[in-house]
N, C-alpha and C. Protein backbone atom coordinates (compact mmCIF):
# COMPACT_ATOMS: atom_id res chain seq x y z
N MET A 1 0.86 -0.89 0.21
CA MET A 1 0.16 -0.29 0.21
C MET A 1 1.02 1.15 -0.17
N LEU A 2 0.71 2.42 -1.07
CA LEU A 2 1.44 3.22 -0.89
C LEU A 2 0.86 4.14 0.53
N THR A 3 1.85 4.78 0.22
CA THR A 3 0.84 5.97 2.06
C THR A 3 1.38 7.93 0.93
N MET A 4 2.58 7.70 0.15
CA MET A 4 2.95 8.78 -0.07
C MET A 4 3.64 8.78 -1.35
N LEU A 5 3.26 10.33 -2.47
CA LEU A 5 5.24 10.08 -3.13
C LEU A 5 6.30 10.54 -2.58
N SER A 6 7.30 9.89 -2.56
CA SER A 6 8.57 10.61 -1.57
C SER A 6 9.57 11.26 -2.56
N HIS A 7 9.59 11.15 -3.89
CA HIS A 7 10.72 12.59 -4.45
C HIS A 7 10.56 12.55 -6.33
N TYR A 8 11.27 12.86 -6.41
CA TYR A 8 11.59 12.26 -8.42
C TYR A 8 12.53 12.79 -8.14
N ASN A 9 13.00 12.21 -9.56
CA ASN A 9 15.02 12.48 -9.12
C ASN A 9 14.56 13.12 -10.74
N VAL A 10 15.46 13.67 -11.28
CA VAL A 10 16.16 14.42 -12.35
C VAL A 10 17.12 13.98 -12.88
N ARG A 11 17.40 13.93 -14.21
CA ARG A 11 18.87 13.62 -14.41
C ARG A 11 19.43 14.52 -15.65
N THR A 12 20.62 15.62 -15.26
CA THR A 12 20.73 16.33 -16.08
C THR A 12 22.16 16.59 -16.17
N ARG A 13 22.31 17.27 -17.32
CA ARG A 13 23.65 17.58 -17.37
C ARG A 13 24.18 19.25 -17.41
N ASP A 14 23.73 19.71 -16.18
CA ASP A 14 23.74 20.88 -16.11
C ASP A 14 22.33 21.17 -14.57
N TRP A 15 23.73 20.28 -13.90
CA TRP A 15 22.77 20.26 -12.27
C TRP A 15 22.40 21.58 -11.89
N THR A 16 23.18 22.86 -11.96
CA THR A 16 23.70 23.95 -11.07
C THR A 16 22.54 24.14 -12.18
N LYS A 17 21.96 24.79 -12.95
CA LYS A 17 21.37 25.61 -13.52
C LYS A 17 20.12 24.85 -13.51
N THR A 18 19.38 23.31 -13.48
CA THR A 18 18.99 22.67 -12.40
C THR A 18 18.42 23.48 -10.75
N ARG A 19 18.93 23.17 -10.38
CA ARG A 19 19.28 23.72 -9.04
C ARG A 19 18.54 24.35 -8.29
N ASP A 20 19.20 25.72 -9.67
CA ASP A 20 18.65 27.16 -9.46
C ASP A 20 17.54 27.67 -10.04
N PHE A 21 16.92 26.79 -10.52
CA PHE A 21 15.51 26.84 -11.31
C PHE A 21 14.74 27.08 -10.37
N TYR A 22 14.60 25.35 -9.15
CA TYR A 22 13.95 25.08 -8.34
C TYR A 22 13.61 25.96 -7.24
N VAL A 23 15.09 26.25 -6.94
CA VAL A 23 15.53 26.88 -5.84
C VAL A 23 14.60 28.88 -5.76
N LYS A 24 15.63 29.30 -7.06
CA LYS A 24 14.82 30.63 -7.41
C LYS A 24 13.13 30.51 -7.56
N VAL A 25 12.99 30.00 -8.49
CA VAL A 25 11.51 30.30 -9.12
C VAL A 25 10.49 29.29 -8.38
N LEU A 26 11.19 28.47 -7.64
CA LEU A 26 9.74 27.32 -6.56
C LEU A 26 9.70 27.41 -5.46
N GLY A 27 11.51 28.31 -5.32
CA GLY A 27 11.67 28.13 -3.86
C GLY A 27 11.44 27.33 -2.84
N LEU A 28 11.91 26.17 -3.67
CA LEU A 28 12.52 24.94 -2.83
C LEU A 28 14.20 25.57 -2.09
N THR A 29 14.27 24.41 -0.96
CA THR A 29 15.89 24.58 -0.86
C THR A 29 16.23 23.76 -0.87
N GLU A 30 17.67 23.65 -0.75
CA GLU A 30 18.90 23.28 -0.99
C GLU A 30 19.01 22.28 0.69
N GLY A 31 19.08 21.08 0.24
CA GLY A 31 19.26 20.24 1.72
C GLY A 31 20.20 19.13 1.68
N ALA A 32 20.44 18.39 2.79
CA ALA A 32 21.19 17.05 2.71
C ALA A 32 21.06 16.64 1.79
N ARG A 33 22.47 15.94 0.86
CA ARG A 33 22.65 14.78 0.63
C ARG A 33 23.58 13.49 0.52
N PRO A 34 23.17 12.53 0.91
CA PRO A 34 24.55 11.19 0.60
C PRO A 34 25.78 11.91 -0.39
N ASP A 35 27.04 11.58 0.32
CA ASP A 35 27.89 11.46 -0.36
C ASP A 35 27.86 10.84 -1.40
N PHE A 36 27.30 10.42 -2.57
CA PHE A 36 27.15 9.78 -3.74
C PHE A 36 28.94 9.43 -4.48
N PRO A 37 28.31 9.18 -5.69
CA PRO A 37 29.81 9.23 -6.09
C PRO A 37 29.59 9.70 -7.45
N PHE A 38 28.73 10.66 -7.66
CA PHE A 38 28.42 11.72 -9.13
C PHE A 38 27.66 13.04 -7.63
N PRO A 39 28.49 13.87 -9.26
CA PRO A 39 27.33 15.86 -8.85
C PRO A 39 25.71 15.63 -8.79
N GLY A 40 25.16 16.44 -7.25
CA GLY A 40 24.41 16.24 -8.10
C GLY A 40 23.60 17.41 -6.72
N HIS A 41 22.06 17.11 -6.33
CA HIS A 41 21.81 18.12 -4.66
C HIS A 41 19.85 17.11 -5.51
N TRP A 42 19.80 17.69 -3.36
CA TRP A 42 18.37 17.65 -2.66
C TRP A 42 17.91 18.14 -2.11
N LEU A 43 16.69 19.21 -3.25
CA LEU A 43 15.93 19.61 -2.74
C LEU A 43 15.52 19.78 -2.09
N TYR A 44 14.15 20.19 -1.21
CA TYR A 44 13.36 20.32 -0.08
C TYR A 44 12.23 21.03 0.22
N CYS A 45 10.69 21.11 0.01
CA CYS A 45 9.71 21.76 0.68
C CYS A 45 10.21 21.89 1.62
N GLY A 46 10.19 21.90 2.43
CA GLY A 46 10.11 21.87 4.15
C GLY A 46 11.14 21.08 4.39
N GLN A 47 10.34 20.25 5.40
CA GLN A 47 11.47 19.13 5.78
C GLN A 47 11.42 17.72 5.27
N GLN A 48 10.92 17.77 3.54
CA GLN A 48 11.30 16.62 3.05
C GLN A 48 11.52 17.28 1.75
N ASP A 49 12.22 16.24 1.35
CA ASP A 49 13.13 15.77 0.30
C ASP A 49 12.11 15.24 -0.78
N VAL A 50 12.27 16.05 -1.63
CA VAL A 50 11.26 16.35 -2.68
C VAL A 50 11.74 15.55 -4.44
N LEU A 51 12.74 16.46 -4.60
CA LEU A 51 13.57 16.50 -6.38
C LEU A 51 14.88 16.39 -5.43
N HIS A 52 15.24 15.01 -6.77
CA HIS A 52 16.58 14.65 -6.86
C HIS A 52 17.89 14.88 -7.54
N ILE A 53 18.12 15.40 -7.33
CA ILE A 53 18.92 15.68 -8.62
C ILE A 53 20.39 15.39 -9.27
N THR A 54 19.89 14.55 -10.39
CA THR A 54 21.74 13.42 -10.65
C THR A 54 22.26 14.33 -11.12
N GLY A 55 23.31 14.97 -11.32
CA GLY A 55 24.54 15.81 -12.27
C GLY A 55 25.05 14.22 -13.11
N LEU A 56 25.12 14.41 -14.66
CA LEU A 56 25.94 13.76 -15.43
C LEU A 56 27.01 13.79 -15.98
N ASP A 57 28.23 14.12 -15.46
CA ASP A 57 28.83 14.26 -15.61
C ASP A 57 29.98 14.00 -16.56
N ALA A 58 30.39 14.28 -18.25
CA ALA A 58 31.11 13.71 -18.87
C ALA A 58 32.49 12.64 -18.31
N ASN A 59 33.17 13.52 -17.53
CA ASN A 59 34.10 12.70 -17.13
C ASN A 59 34.09 12.00 -16.26
N SER A 60 32.99 11.31 -15.53
CA SER A 60 32.51 10.41 -15.18
C SER A 60 31.67 9.62 -15.25
N THR A 61 32.26 8.05 -14.23
CA THR A 61 30.81 7.02 -15.28
C THR A 61 30.17 7.01 -13.53
N GLY A 62 30.06 7.69 -12.79
CA GLY A 62 29.59 7.70 -10.89
C GLY A 62 28.09 7.44 -11.03
N ALA A 63 26.98 8.22 -11.97
CA ALA A 63 25.71 8.08 -11.86
C ALA A 63 25.71 6.99 -12.79
N GLN A 64 26.60 6.70 -13.42
CA GLN A 64 25.72 4.87 -14.72
C GLN A 64 26.28 4.17 -13.71
N ASP A 65 27.11 4.09 -13.26
CA ASP A 65 27.65 3.46 -11.69
C ASP A 65 26.74 2.47 -10.97
N TYR A 66 26.49 3.57 -10.27
CA TYR A 66 25.61 3.95 -9.13
C TYR A 66 24.25 3.80 -9.40
N LEU A 67 23.57 3.96 -10.72
CA LEU A 67 22.24 4.35 -11.17
C LEU A 67 21.86 3.31 -11.35
N GLY A 68 22.22 2.52 -13.10
CA GLY A 68 22.17 1.98 -13.63
C GLY A 68 22.50 3.39 -15.26
N ASP A 69 22.85 2.24 -16.12
CA ASP A 69 23.15 2.99 -17.84
C ASP A 69 21.62 3.35 -18.42
N ARG A 70 21.24 4.34 -18.28
CA ARG A 70 19.73 4.80 -19.06
C ARG A 70 19.90 5.64 -19.79
N GLU A 71 20.43 5.09 -21.11
CA GLU A 71 20.37 5.91 -22.61
C GLU A 71 19.51 6.73 -23.07
N GLY A 72 19.86 7.59 -23.54
CA GLY A 72 18.23 8.22 -24.14
C GLY A 72 18.11 10.26 -23.98
N GLU A 73 17.48 11.00 -24.47
CA GLU A 73 17.14 11.95 -24.32
C GLU A 73 16.91 12.10 -23.27
N LEU A 74 17.52 13.22 -22.70
CA LEU A 74 17.59 14.12 -21.71
C LEU A 74 15.97 16.00 -21.36
N GLN A 75 15.96 15.28 -22.81
CA GLN A 75 15.44 16.20 -22.02
C GLN A 75 13.50 16.50 -22.27
N GLY A 76 12.80 16.77 -21.40
CA GLY A 76 11.41 16.01 -20.76
C GLY A 76 11.04 15.57 -20.20
N GLY A 77 9.76 15.13 -19.94
CA GLY A 77 9.61 13.81 -19.34
C GLY A 77 9.73 12.37 -19.65
N GLY A 78 10.10 11.87 -21.04
CA GLY A 78 9.55 11.05 -21.52
C GLY A 78 8.16 10.43 -21.18
N ALA A 79 7.88 9.21 -20.80
CA ALA A 79 6.35 9.21 -20.44
C ALA A 79 6.04 9.36 -19.11
N ILE A 80 6.81 10.27 -18.48
CA ILE A 80 6.39 11.05 -17.49
C ILE A 80 5.55 12.69 -17.65
N ASP A 81 4.30 12.98 -18.18
CA ASP A 81 3.73 13.59 -18.29
C ASP A 81 4.38 15.45 -17.68
N HIS A 82 3.82 15.31 -16.36
CA HIS A 82 4.12 16.08 -15.33
C HIS A 82 4.29 16.31 -13.86
N VAL A 83 4.89 16.76 -13.30
CA VAL A 83 5.41 16.63 -11.68
C VAL A 83 4.36 17.61 -10.76
N ALA A 84 3.45 17.46 -10.06
CA ALA A 84 2.50 18.75 -9.74
C ALA A 84 3.04 18.63 -8.27
N PHE A 85 2.81 19.91 -7.60
CA PHE A 85 2.68 20.92 -5.87
C PHE A 85 1.71 20.90 -5.64
N THR A 86 1.03 20.81 -4.77
CA THR A 86 0.31 21.65 -4.04
C THR A 86 0.76 23.10 -3.34
N ALA A 87 -0.11 24.86 -3.98
CA ALA A 87 0.97 25.31 -3.36
C ALA A 87 -0.51 26.48 -3.14
N LYS A 88 -0.21 27.68 -2.79
CA LYS A 88 -0.96 28.49 -2.28
C LYS A 88 -0.10 30.01 -3.04
N ASP A 89 -1.36 31.05 -3.07
CA ASP A 89 -1.52 32.68 -3.56
C ASP A 89 -1.29 32.17 -4.87
N ALA A 90 -1.56 32.00 -5.68
CA ALA A 90 -1.28 31.84 -7.60
C ALA A 90 -0.93 33.60 -7.57
N VAL A 91 -1.57 34.50 -7.10
CA VAL A 91 -1.52 35.50 -8.16
C VAL A 91 0.09 36.24 -7.52
N ALA A 92 0.57 35.85 -6.32
CA ALA A 92 2.26 35.91 -6.51
C ALA A 92 3.03 35.10 -7.19
N MET A 93 2.91 34.18 -7.05
CA MET A 93 3.48 33.48 -8.00
C MET A 93 3.24 33.69 -9.30
N GLY A 94 2.39 34.07 -9.78
CA GLY A 94 2.04 34.24 -10.99
C GLY A 94 2.95 35.95 -11.28
N LYS A 95 3.14 37.22 -10.31
CA LYS A 95 3.68 38.01 -10.57
C LYS A 95 5.57 37.34 -10.71
N HIS A 96 5.46 36.60 -9.77
CA HIS A 96 6.75 35.97 -9.24
C HIS A 96 7.15 35.91 -10.85
N PHE A 97 6.65 34.47 -11.71
CA PHE A 97 7.08 34.27 -12.35
C PHE A 97 7.17 34.54 -13.87
N LYS A 98 6.29 36.41 -13.88
CA LYS A 98 6.63 37.05 -14.76
C LYS A 98 7.59 37.81 -15.10
N GLN A 99 8.10 37.78 -13.47
CA GLN A 99 9.16 38.93 -13.27
C GLN A 99 10.37 38.25 -13.69
N LEU A 100 10.49 37.00 -13.61
CA LEU A 100 11.85 35.96 -13.74
C LEU A 100 11.62 35.80 -15.37
N GLY A 101 10.40 36.13 -16.21
CA GLY A 101 10.81 36.22 -17.52
C GLY A 101 10.45 34.48 -18.06
N ILE A 102 9.42 33.70 -17.48
CA ILE A 102 9.09 32.56 -17.39
C ILE A 102 7.82 32.33 -18.08
N GLU A 103 7.20 31.85 -19.14
CA GLU A 103 6.32 31.23 -19.59
C GLU A 103 5.80 30.59 -18.78
N ALA A 104 4.52 31.38 -18.35
CA ALA A 104 3.17 30.81 -17.59
C ALA A 104 2.06 30.25 -17.94
N ARG A 105 1.47 29.29 -17.75
CA ARG A 105 0.12 28.38 -18.90
C ARG A 105 -1.03 28.44 -17.86
N HIS A 106 -2.00 29.89 -17.33
CA HIS A 106 -2.81 29.72 -16.17
C HIS A 106 -4.03 28.52 -16.97
N ARG A 107 -4.95 27.60 -15.52
CA ARG A 107 -6.12 27.03 -16.15
C ARG A 107 -6.76 26.72 -14.71
N ARG A 108 -8.19 26.86 -15.09
CA ARG A 108 -9.30 27.06 -14.37
C ARG A 108 -9.50 25.11 -14.05
N VAL A 109 -10.07 24.61 -13.30
CA VAL A 109 -10.06 23.13 -13.46
C VAL A 109 -11.94 23.02 -13.75
N PRO A 110 -12.15 23.18 -14.85
CA PRO A 110 -13.72 22.32 -14.84
C PRO A 110 -13.97 21.72 -13.82
N ASN A 111 -15.58 22.19 -13.00
CA ASN A 111 -16.37 21.40 -12.22
C ASN A 111 -15.41 21.33 -10.77
N MET A 112 -14.58 22.17 -10.20
CA MET A 112 -13.13 22.26 -9.52
C MET A 112 -13.23 23.07 -8.94
N ASP A 113 -13.57 23.20 -7.54
CA ASP A 113 -12.43 24.36 -7.31
C ASP A 113 -10.73 24.48 -6.79
N LEU A 114 -10.17 24.72 -8.67
CA LEU A 114 -9.04 24.70 -8.13
C LEU A 114 -8.10 25.49 -9.25
N TYR A 115 -7.15 26.18 -8.89
CA TYR A 115 -6.99 26.83 -9.99
C TYR A 115 -5.43 25.96 -10.45
N GLN A 116 -4.72 26.32 -11.59
CA GLN A 116 -3.32 25.93 -11.87
C GLN A 116 -2.80 26.57 -12.62
N ILE A 117 -1.21 26.38 -12.60
CA ILE A 117 -0.57 27.49 -12.78
C ILE A 117 0.94 26.33 -13.44
N PHE A 118 0.74 26.17 -15.29
CA PHE A 118 2.13 25.18 -15.62
C PHE A 118 3.56 26.07 -15.81
N ILE A 119 4.23 25.54 -16.24
CA ILE A 119 5.98 25.92 -16.51
C ILE A 119 6.28 25.36 -16.72
N ASN A 120 8.02 25.15 -16.62
CA ASN A 120 8.74 24.24 -17.73
C ASN A 120 9.93 24.38 -16.78
N ASP A 121 10.57 23.56 -16.42
CA ASP A 121 11.77 23.48 -15.91
C ASP A 121 12.74 23.99 -17.16
N PRO A 122 14.40 23.61 -16.85
CA PRO A 122 15.44 24.08 -17.46
C PRO A 122 15.88 23.09 -18.44
N ASN A 123 14.93 21.92 -18.23
CA ASN A 123 15.09 20.55 -18.79
C ASN A 123 14.07 19.60 -19.74
N GLY A 124 13.07 20.83 -20.22
CA GLY A 124 11.46 20.36 -20.56
C GLY A 124 10.89 19.66 -19.79
N ILE A 125 10.85 19.26 -17.81
CA ILE A 125 10.15 19.25 -17.77
C ILE A 125 8.95 19.96 -17.05
N VAL A 126 7.63 19.16 -17.49
CA VAL A 126 6.74 20.67 -17.13
C VAL A 126 6.24 20.36 -15.08
N ILE A 127 6.12 21.78 -15.44
CA ILE A 127 5.55 21.44 -13.66
C ILE A 127 4.15 21.88 -13.47
N GLU A 128 3.78 21.02 -12.48
CA GLU A 128 2.27 21.72 -12.37
C GLU A 128 2.05 22.20 -11.03
N LEU A 129 1.48 23.71 -10.74
CA LEU A 129 1.15 24.22 -9.35
C LEU A 129 -0.18 24.05 -9.42
N ASN A 130 -1.18 23.47 -7.86
CA ASN A 130 -1.97 23.81 -7.67
C ASN A 130 -2.38 24.23 -6.61
N PHE A 131 -3.37 24.75 -7.31
CA PHE A 131 -4.24 26.47 -6.29
C PHE A 131 -5.59 26.08 -5.65
N PRO A 132 -5.50 24.97 -4.72
CA PRO A 132 -7.08 24.73 -4.10
C PRO A 132 -7.31 26.08 -3.81
N GLY A 133 -9.24 26.13 -3.80
CA GLY A 133 -9.43 27.10 -3.49
C GLY A 133 -9.35 28.38 -3.67
N GLU A 134 -8.26 28.96 -5.18
CA GLU A 134 -8.08 30.12 -5.76
C GLU A 134 -8.83 29.80 -6.59
N ASN A 135 -8.93 31.47 -6.49
CA ASN A 135 -9.76 32.14 -7.98
C ASN A 135 -9.14 32.94 -8.62
N PRO A 136 -8.20 33.58 -8.40
CA PRO A 136 -7.42 34.42 -9.28
C PRO A 136 -8.56 35.65 -10.40
N PRO A 137 -7.87 36.64 -10.51
CA PRO A 137 -8.99 37.14 -11.84
C PRO A 137 -7.48 36.89 -12.78
N ASP A 138 -9.01 37.37 -13.99
CA ASP A 138 -7.71 36.17 -15.04
C ASP A 138 -5.81 37.12 -15.00
N MET A 139 -4.90 36.14 -15.79
CA MET A 139 -3.50 37.06 -15.30
C MET A 139 -2.78 36.67 -16.59
């Protein structure tokens, strides 16, 4: 029986840019990470680690040796369509994205009291932000 989503992992050649996006744009914080034989970051939402960034270094086989060989395209989510977070204050988030020059797609879910904003991370992964009970003006 599942009880919760633990985290998701992004493999990337630009682990610093990916970390900076999630910290500066979404407000996650960098925290403790085991001493793996490859570069990367663990990002937290409150006390929970929610994103593990695996750095793929052309000069090292550490990630491949530890996690297994995963050839293929690194852009987008492959079979995963998006990753979703619950959030609050859609108006402030919308303004934040606009100030940073990040394209945001706004939606109201039909027949639900749910507002959504979609953005893309630097790797082309779609991030969905859900704002339950919020009904901001058109942005």
